[in-house]
Amino acid sequence: MIPEKKRSVIIVAGGKGLRVGGELPKQFQSIGGEPMLMRTIRAFHDYDYRMRIVVMLPEEAQLLWSQLCEEYRFSIPHTVVPGGETRFHSVKNGLEEISADEIVGVHDGARPFVTPGLIGRCFDTAFENQCGVIPVVDEVNSVRQLTGTGSRMVDRKQLKLVQTPQVFPAEELKKAYETGFDPSFTDDASVAEKWGMRIQLVEGEETNIKITTPFDMALAGYYWQLMANR
């Protein structure tokens, strides 16, 4: 385990989640009778109750979040920080709350089924090797790459699907985020890698899905039922 008070996480929940549908923003929609974002926060608290948790939320959603926390009596300590124009800017804002001597994770608020085991694997690897760490799973579908004249087959064995939490030495990630925004940045690892940080892959989990569509919400309900019946 990483020494005490050296772990923190930035949970990015700044999107509006329009593809999911529903009256509430995606991160506030219920899974098993509780808002998704609360489940995500609890996963990190269960891994380490001393972990510093920073939640990125749009300013216009913060009052609703406060009301939901009161309604559900949600008392896990966390700091709410306004999100930015893009994920890049949101994470950059969140890093201002993080000390340079920490190991910091960045996690999608819409991945509520992340487990303490996966969180620990990512944090321990980042601490031991002082590098960036991302969890990945195999691509099981056939994949084709578009070309100027059509498409071509791609060997799926050479591809991995990236998940979160992505975990880094905070001092190095802060330096990486001092760079200018690039539209090619798709996640935190791409920012860190462009800056020059070494990235190591660890095994992810199939159930660590990112909830983006109505189908994902239905699948999340199924996962919750499975876990509740264990």
C-alpha atoms as a PDB file:
ATOM      1  CA  MET A   1       0.000   0.000   0.000  1.00  0.00           C
ATOM      2  CA  ILE A   2       1.058   3.597  -0.671  1.00  0.00           C
ATOM      3  CA  PRO A   3       2.044   5.557   2.466  1.00  0.00           C
ATOM      4  CA  GLU A   4      -0.715   7.360   4.357  1.00  0.00           C
ATOM      5  CA  LYS A   5      -2.155  10.573   2.865  1.00  0.00           C
ATOM      6  CA  LYS A   6      -0.445  10.039  -0.463  1.00  0.00           C
ATOM      7  CA  ARG A   7      -3.454   9.000  -2.565  1.00  0.00           C
ATOM      8  CA  SER A   8      -5.984  11.253  -4.234  1.00  0.00           C
ATOM      9  CA  VAL A   9      -8.464  11.018  -7.088  1.00  0.00           C
ATOM     10  CA  ILE A  10     -10.079  13.496  -9.447  1.00  0.00           C
ATOM     11  CA  ILE A  11     -13.516  12.246 -10.504  1.00  0.00           C
ATOM     12  CA  VAL A  12     -14.598  13.923 -13.732  1.00  0.00           C
ATOM     13  CA  ALA A  13     -18.377  14.355 -13.833  1.00  0.00           C
ATOM     14  CA  GLY A  14     -18.638  17.459 -15.969  1.00  0.00           C
ATOM     15  CA  GLY A  15     -20.623  16.155 -18.927  1.00  0.00           C
ATOM     16  CA  LYS A  16     -24.332  16.656 -19.514  1.00  0.00           C
ATOM     17  CA  GLY A  17     -24.840  13.029 -20.542  1.00  0.00           C
ATOM     18  CA  LEU A  18     -27.343  13.835 -23.279  1.00  0.00           C
ATOM     19  CA  ARG A  19     -26.947  10.451 -24.975  1.00  0.00           C
ATOM     20  CA  VAL A  20     -28.205   8.641 -21.879  1.00  0.00           C
ATOM     21  CA  GLY A  21     -31.491  10.542 -21.884  1.00  0.00           C
ATOM     22  CA  GLY A  22     -33.636  11.275 -18.845  1.00  0.00           C
ATOM     23  CA  GLU A  23     -34.441  14.461 -16.959  1.00  0.00           C
ATOM     24  CA  LEU A  24     -31.332  14.476 -14.771  1.00  0.00           C
ATOM     25  CA  PRO A  25     -27.701  14.773 -15.901  1.00  0.00           C
ATOM     26  CA  LYS A  26     -26.168  11.332 -16.394  1.00  0.00           C
ATOM     27  CA  GLN A  27     -23.998  11.430 -13.286  1.00  0.00           C
ATOM     28  CA  PHE A  28     -27.074  12.016 -11.101  1.00  0.00           C
ATOM     29  CA  GLN A  29     -29.269   9.280 -12.549  1.00  0.00           C
ATOM     30  CA  SER A  30     -30.085   6.385 -10.262  1.00  0.00           C
ATOM     31  CA  ILE A  31     -28.524   2.934 -10.275  1.00  0.00           C
ATOM     32  CA  GLY A  32     -30.028   0.632  -7.688  1.00  0.00           C
ATOM     33  CA  GLY A  33     -31.745   3.505  -5.913  1.00  0.00           C
ATOM     34  CA  GLU A  34     -28.731   5.813  -5.640  1.00  0.00           C
ATOM     35  CA  PRO A  35     -27.198   8.441  -7.960  1.00  0.00           C
ATOM     36  CA  MET A  36     -24.408   7.048 -10.121  1.00  0.00           C
ATOM     37  CA  LEU A  37     -21.851   9.587  -8.929  1.00  0.00           C
ATOM     38  CA  MET A  38     -22.349   8.558  -5.300  1.00  0.00           C
ATOM     39  CA  ARG A  39     -21.512   4.966  -6.197  1.00  0.00           C
ATOM     40  CA  THR A  40     -18.367   6.100  -7.977  1.00  0.00           C
ATOM     41  CA  ILE A  41     -17.211   8.176  -5.004  1.00  0.00           C
ATOM     42  CA  ARG A  42     -17.960   5.329  -2.598  1.00  0.00           C
ATOM     43  CA  ALA A  43     -15.769   2.919  -4.599  1.00  0.00           C
ATOM     44  CA  PHE A  44     -12.690   5.062  -3.908  1.00  0.00           C
ATOM     45  CA  HIS A  45     -13.675   5.655  -0.290  1.00  0.00           C
ATOM     46  CA  ASP A  46     -14.029   1.885   0.170  1.00  0.00           C
ATOM     47  CA  TYR A  47     -10.521   1.407  -1.219  1.00  0.00           C
ATOM     48  CA  ASP A  48      -9.025   4.006   1.134  1.00  0.00           C
ATOM     49  CA  TYR A  49     -11.192   6.085   3.459  1.00  0.00           C
ATOM     50  CA  ARG A  50      -8.296   8.579   3.836  1.00  0.00           C
ATOM     51  CA  MET A  51      -8.111   9.247   0.102  1.00  0.00           C
ATOM     52  CA  ARG A  52      -8.654  12.831  -0.981  1.00  0.00           C
ATOM     53  CA  ILE A  53     -11.571  12.912  -3.435  1.00  0.00           C
ATOM     54  CA  VAL A  54     -12.027  15.863  -5.816  1.00  0.00           C
ATOM     55  CA  VAL A  55     -15.203  15.908  -7.910  1.00  0.00           C
ATOM     56  CA  MET A  56     -15.400  18.018 -11.060  1.00  0.00           C
ATOM     57  CA  LEU A  57     -18.941  19.297 -11.659  1.00  0.00           C
ATOM     58  CA  PRO A  58     -20.381  22.063 -13.855  1.00  0.00           C
ATOM     59  CA  GLU A  59     -21.235  25.103 -11.758  1.00  0.00           C
ATOM     60  CA  GLU A  60     -24.883  24.856 -12.788  1.00  0.00           C
ATOM     61  CA  ALA A  61     -25.071  21.293 -11.395  1.00  0.00           C
ATOM     62  CA  GLN A  62     -23.532  21.963  -7.990  1.00  0.00           C
ATOM     63  CA  LEU A  63     -26.722  23.089  -6.232  1.00  0.00           C
ATOM     64  CA  LEU A  64     -28.558  19.977  -7.413  1.00  0.00           C
ATOM     65  CA  TRP A  65     -25.661  17.811  -6.230  1.00  0.00           C
ATOM     66  CA  SER A  66     -25.785  19.447  -2.813  1.00  0.00           C
ATOM     67  CA  GLN A  67     -29.520  18.771  -2.620  1.00  0.00           C
ATOM     68  CA  LEU A  68     -29.025  15.136  -3.636  1.00  0.00           C
ATOM     69  CA  CYS A  69     -26.320  14.657  -0.996  1.00  0.00           C
ATOM     70  CA  GLU A  70     -28.738  15.963   1.615  1.00  0.00           C
ATOM     71  CA  GLU A  71     -31.620  13.844   0.310  1.00  0.00           C
ATOM     72  CA  TYR A  72     -29.557  10.641   0.297  1.00  0.00           C
ATOM     73  CA  ARG A  73     -27.635  11.550   3.468  1.00  0.00           C
ATOM     74  CA  PHE A  74     -24.415  11.149   1.529  1.00  0.00           C
ATOM     75  CA  SER A  75     -21.584  12.105   3.859  1.00  0.00           C
ATOM     76  CA  ILE A  76     -18.382  10.774   2.263  1.00  0.00           C
ATOM     77  CA  PRO A  77     -15.926  13.714   2.355  1.00  0.00           C
ATOM     78  CA  HIS A  78     -15.166  15.209  -1.058  1.00  0.00           C
ATOM     79  CA  THR A  79     -14.308  18.558  -2.607  1.00  0.00           C
ATOM     80  CA  VAL A  80     -16.402  19.895  -5.490  1.00  0.00           C
ATOM     81  CA  VAL A  81     -14.542  21.953  -8.107  1.00  0.00           C
ATOM     82  CA  PRO A  82     -16.085  23.617 -11.191  1.00  0.00           C
ATOM     83  CA  GLY A  83     -15.379  21.729 -14.394  1.00  0.00           C
ATOM     84  CA  GLY A  84     -13.767  23.359 -17.407  1.00  0.00           C
ATOM     85  CA  GLU A  85     -14.680  23.723 -21.057  1.00  0.00           C
ATOM     86  CA  THR A  86     -13.251  20.283 -21.878  1.00  0.00           C
ATOM     87  CA  ARG A  87     -12.093  17.240 -19.925  1.00  0.00           C
ATOM     88  CA  PHE A  88      -8.531  18.559 -20.242  1.00  0.00           C
ATOM     89  CA  HIS A  89      -9.470  21.844 -18.598  1.00  0.00           C
ATOM     90  CA  SER A  90     -11.532  20.091 -15.913  1.00  0.00           C
ATOM     91  CA  VAL A  91      -8.628  17.875 -14.890  1.00  0.00           C
ATOM     92  CA  LYS A  92      -6.281  20.855 -14.970  1.00  0.00           C
ATOM     93  CA  ASN A  93      -8.629  22.675 -12.561  1.00  0.00           C
ATOM     94  CA  GLY A  94      -8.792  19.617 -10.317  1.00  0.00           C
ATOM     95  CA  LEU A  95      -5.019  19.281 -10.158  1.00  0.00           C
ATOM     96  CA  GLU A  96      -4.852  22.638  -8.381  1.00  0.00           C
ATOM     97  CA  GLU A  97      -6.352  20.841  -5.362  1.00  0.00           C
ATOM     98  CA  ILE A  98      -3.692  18.098  -5.405  1.00  0.00           C
ATOM     99  CA  SER A  99      -0.292  18.216  -3.697  1.00  0.00           C
ATOM    100  CA  ALA A 100       2.780  17.462  -5.796  1.00  0.00           C
ATOM    101  CA  ASP A 101       3.916  14.645  -3.483  1.00  0.00           C
ATOM    102  CA  GLU A 102       0.784  12.542  -4.009  1.00  0.00           C
ATOM    103  CA  ILE A 103      -0.139   9.746  -6.378  1.00  0.00           C
ATOM    104  CA  VAL A 104      -3.265  10.936  -8.180  1.00  0.00           C
ATOM    105  CA  GLY A 105      -5.884   9.034 -10.115  1.00  0.00           C
ATOM    106  CA  VAL A 106      -8.281  10.473 -12.675  1.00  0.00           C
ATOM    107  CA  HIS A 107     -11.550   8.599 -13.048  1.00  0.00           C
ATOM    108  CA  ASP A 108     -14.732   8.919 -15.084  1.00  0.00           C
ATOM    109  CA  GLY A 109     -17.720   9.683 -12.891  1.00  0.00           C
ATOM    110  CA  ALA A 110     -19.720   7.475 -15.244  1.00  0.00           C
ATOM    111  CA  ARG A 111     -17.756   4.332 -14.278  1.00  0.00           C
ATOM    112  CA  PRO A 112     -19.538   3.429 -11.002  1.00  0.00           C
ATOM    113  CA  PHE A 113     -18.575  -0.259 -11.050  1.00  0.00           C
ATOM    114  CA  VAL A 114     -14.848   0.261 -10.555  1.00  0.00           C
ATOM    115  CA  THR A 115     -13.664  -2.081  -7.801  1.00  0.00           C
ATOM    116  CA  PRO A 116     -11.236  -1.551  -4.914  1.00  0.00           C
ATOM    117  CA  GLY A 117      -9.084  -4.278  -6.471  1.00  0.00           C
ATOM    118  CA  LEU A 118      -8.694  -2.398  -9.746  1.00  0.00           C
ATOM    119  CA  ILE A 119      -8.117   0.902  -7.953  1.00  0.00           C
ATOM    120  CA  GLY A 120      -5.409  -0.686  -5.815  1.00  0.00           C
ATOM    121  CA  ARG A 121      -3.724  -2.318  -8.809  1.00  0.00           C
ATOM    122  CA  CYS A 122      -3.444   1.039 -10.572  1.00  0.00           C
ATOM    123  CA  PHE A 123      -2.254   3.031  -7.548  1.00  0.00           C
ATOM    124  CA  ASP A 124       0.241   0.420  -6.375  1.00  0.00           C
ATOM    125  CA  THR A 125       1.792   0.091  -9.850  1.00  0.00           C
ATOM    126  CA  ALA A 126       2.092   3.861 -10.261  1.00  0.00           C
ATOM    127  CA  PHE A 127       3.718   4.196  -6.836  1.00  0.00           C
ATOM    128  CA  GLU A 128       6.131   1.296  -7.269  1.00  0.00           C
ATOM    129  CA  ASN A 129       7.247   2.273 -10.779  1.00  0.00           C
ATOM    130  CA  GLN A 130       6.771   6.072 -10.621  1.00  0.00           C
ATOM    131  CA  CYS A 131       5.038   6.109 -13.979  1.00  0.00           C
ATOM    132  CA  GLY A 132       1.611   6.633 -15.484  1.00  0.00           C
ATOM    133  CA  VAL A 133      -0.715   3.626 -15.269  1.00  0.00           C
ATOM    134  CA  ILE A 134      -3.843   2.868 -17.282  1.00  0.00           C
ATOM    135  CA  PRO A 135      -6.142  -0.167 -17.018  1.00  0.00           C
ATOM    136  CA  VAL A 136      -7.023  -1.872 -20.296  1.00  0.00           C
ATOM    137  CA  VAL A 137      -9.111  -4.772 -21.557  1.00  0.00           C
ATOM    138  CA  ASP A 138      -8.899  -6.781 -24.769  1.00  0.00           C
ATOM    139  CA  GLU A 139     -10.808  -5.816 -27.898  1.00  0.00           C
ATOM    140  CA  VAL A 140     -12.990  -8.828 -28.719  1.00  0.00           C
ATOM    141  CA  ASN A 141     -14.707  -7.502 -31.855  1.00  0.00           C
ATOM    142  CA  SER A 142     -13.390  -7.478 -35.393  1.00  0.00           C
ATOM    143  CA  VAL A 143     -11.983  -4.032 -36.176  1.00  0.00           C
ATOM    144  CA  ARG A 144     -11.398  -2.141 -39.409  1.00  0.00           C
ATOM    145  CA  GLN A 145      -9.502   1.092 -40.012  1.00  0.00           C
ATOM    146  CA  LEU A 146     -10.806   3.634 -42.493  1.00  0.00           C
ATOM    147  CA  THR A 147      -8.465   4.546 -45.357  1.00  0.00           C
ATOM    148  CA  GLY A 148      -8.643   7.038 -48.193  1.00  0.00           C
ATOM    149  CA  THR A 149     -10.080   4.392 -50.501  1.00  0.00           C
ATOM    150  CA  GLY A 150     -12.172   2.319 -48.096  1.00  0.00           C
ATOM    151  CA  SER A 151     -11.028   0.328 -45.073  1.00  0.00           C
ATOM    152  CA  ARG A 152      -8.563  -2.333 -44.041  1.00  0.00           C
ATOM    153  CA  MET A 153      -8.440  -5.059 -41.439  1.00  0.00           C
ATOM    154  CA  VAL A 154      -6.681  -4.359 -38.146  1.00  0.00           C
ATOM    155  CA  ASP A 155      -5.266  -7.095 -35.930  1.00  0.00           C
ATOM    156  CA  ARG A 156      -7.332  -6.764 -32.763  1.00  0.00           C
ATOM    157  CA  LYS A 157      -4.574  -8.471 -30.767  1.00  0.00           C
ATOM    158  CA  GLN A 158      -2.613  -5.247 -31.206  1.00  0.00           C
ATOM    159  CA  LEU A 159      -5.421  -3.143 -29.700  1.00  0.00           C
ATOM    160  CA  LYS A 160      -6.539  -2.509 -26.125  1.00  0.00           C
ATOM    161  CA  LEU A 161      -9.584  -0.685 -24.787  1.00  0.00           C
ATOM    162  CA  VAL A 162      -8.633   1.948 -22.238  1.00  0.00           C
ATOM    163  CA  GLN A 163     -10.455   2.452 -18.936  1.00  0.00           C
ATOM    164  CA  THR A 164     -10.033   4.568 -15.820  1.00  0.00           C
ATOM    165  CA  PRO A 165      -8.768   5.230 -13.186  1.00  0.00           C
ATOM    166  CA  GLN A 166      -5.597   6.442 -14.860  1.00  0.00           C
ATOM    167  CA  VAL A 167      -3.009   7.010 -12.152  1.00  0.00           C
ATOM    168  CA  PHE A 168       0.153   9.146 -12.100  1.00  0.00           C
ATOM    169  CA  PRO A 169       2.739  10.748  -9.831  1.00  0.00           C
ATOM    170  CA  ALA A 170       0.997  14.068  -9.195  1.00  0.00           C
ATOM    171  CA  GLU A 171       4.093  16.213  -9.672  1.00  0.00           C
ATOM    172  CA  GLU A 172       4.646  14.778 -13.140  1.00  0.00           C
ATOM    173  CA  LEU A 173       0.986  15.044 -14.159  1.00  0.00           C
ATOM    174  CA  LYS A 174       0.853  18.669 -13.029  1.00  0.00           C
ATOM    175  CA  LYS A 175       3.822  19.430 -15.285  1.00  0.00           C
ATOM    176  CA  ALA A 176       2.193  17.587 -18.184  1.00  0.00           C
ATOM    177  CA  TYR A 177      -0.964  19.661 -17.818  1.00  0.00           C
ATOM    178  CA  GLU A 178       1.034  22.875 -18.084  1.00  0.00           C
ATOM    179  CA  THR A 179       1.185  22.175 -21.811  1.00  0.00           C
ATOM    180  CA  GLY A 180      -1.335  23.786 -24.134  1.00  0.00           C
ATOM    181  CA  PHE A 181      -4.598  22.049 -24.990  1.00  0.00           C
ATOM    182  CA  ASP A 182      -4.511  19.753 -28.014  1.00  0.00           C
ATOM    183  CA  PRO A 183      -7.770  18.378 -29.512  1.00  0.00           C
ATOM    184  CA  SER A 184      -5.991  15.043 -29.972  1.00  0.00           C
ATOM    185  CA  PHE A 185      -5.931  14.541 -26.190  1.00  0.00           C
ATOM    186  CA  THR A 186      -8.515  11.828 -25.519  1.00  0.00           C
ATOM    187  CA  ASP A 187      -7.557  11.045 -21.932  1.00  0.00           C
ATOM    188  CA  ASP A 188      -5.015  11.853 -19.260  1.00  0.00           C
ATOM    189  CA  ALA A 189      -2.513   9.287 -20.488  1.00  0.00           C
ATOM    190  CA  SER A 190      -2.353  11.025 -23.873  1.00  0.00           C
ATOM    191  CA  VAL A 191      -1.479  14.304 -22.119  1.00  0.00           C
ATOM    192  CA  ALA A 192       1.157  12.617 -19.953  1.00  0.00           C
ATOM    193  CA  GLU A 193       2.612  10.638 -22.844  1.00  0.00           C
ATOM    194  CA  LYS A 194       3.005  13.709 -25.051  1.00  0.00           C
ATOM    195  CA  TRP A 195       4.870  15.397 -22.198  1.00  0.00           C
ATOM    196  CA  GLY A 196       7.202  12.383 -22.034  1.00  0.00           C
ATOM    197  CA  MET A 197       5.921  10.276 -19.158  1.00  0.00           C
ATOM    198  CA  ARG A 198       6.246   6.508 -19.374  1.00  0.00           C
ATOM    199  CA  ILE A 199       2.884   4.723 -19.415  1.00  0.00           C
ATOM    200  CA  GLN A 200       2.367   1.193 -18.100  1.00  0.00           C
ATOM    201  CA  LEU A 201      -0.695  -0.958 -18.778  1.00  0.00           C
ATOM    202  CA  VAL A 202      -2.436  -3.056 -16.132  1.00  0.00           C
ATOM    203  CA  GLU A 203      -5.339  -5.437 -16.470  1.00  0.00           C
ATOM    204  CA  GLY A 204      -8.728  -3.724 -16.345  1.00  0.00           C
ATOM    205  CA  GLU A 205     -12.138  -5.259 -15.673  1.00  0.00           C
ATOM    206  CA  GLU A 206     -14.946  -6.022 -18.117  1.00  0.00           C
ATOM    207  CA  THR A 207     -17.556  -4.735 -15.664  1.00  0.00           C
ATOM    208  CA  ASN A 208     -15.829  -1.350 -15.373  1.00  0.00           C
ATOM    209  CA  ILE A 209     -18.053   0.079 -18.089  1.00  0.00           C
ATOM    210  CA  LYS A 210     -18.486   3.756 -18.916  1.00  0.00           C
ATOM    211  CA  ILE A 211     -22.182   4.598 -18.945  1.00  0.00           C
ATOM    212  CA  THR A 212     -22.875   6.660 -22.051  1.00  0.00           C
ATOM    213  CA  THR A 213     -26.059   5.389 -23.722  1.00  0.00           C
ATOM    214  CA  PRO A 214     -29.508   4.142 -22.645  1.00  0.00           C
ATOM    215  CA  PHE A 215     -28.255   0.601 -23.310  1.00  0.00           C
ATOM    216  CA  ASP A 216     -25.385   1.210 -20.887  1.00  0.00           C
ATOM    217  CA  MET A 217     -27.894   2.336 -18.247  1.00  0.00           C
ATOM    218  CA  ALA A 218     -29.870  -0.866 -18.737  1.00  0.00           C
ATOM    219  CA  LEU A 219     -26.658  -2.899 -18.488  1.00  0.00           C
ATOM    220  CA  ALA A 220     -25.736  -1.022 -15.311  1.00  0.00           C
ATOM    221  CA  GLY A 221     -29.065  -1.992 -13.778  1.00  0.00           C
ATOM    222  CA  TYR A 222     -28.338  -5.627 -14.636  1.00  0.00           C
ATOM    223  CA  TYR A 223     -24.853  -5.443 -13.097  1.00  0.00           C
ATOM    224  CA  TRP A 224     -26.276  -3.921  -9.935  1.00  0.00           C
ATOM    225  CA  GLN A 225     -28.840  -6.721  -9.625  1.00  0.00           C
ATOM    226  CA  LEU A 226     -26.094  -9.318 -10.017  1.00  0.00           C
ATOM    227  CA  MET A 227     -24.026  -7.725  -7.261  1.00  0.00           C
ATOM    228  CA  ALA A 228     -27.026  -7.272  -4.974  1.00  0.00           C
ATOM    229  CA  ASN A 229     -27.887 -10.975  -5.293  1.00  0.00           C
ATOM    230  CA  ARG A 230     -24.388 -12.252  -4.468  1.00  0.00           C
END
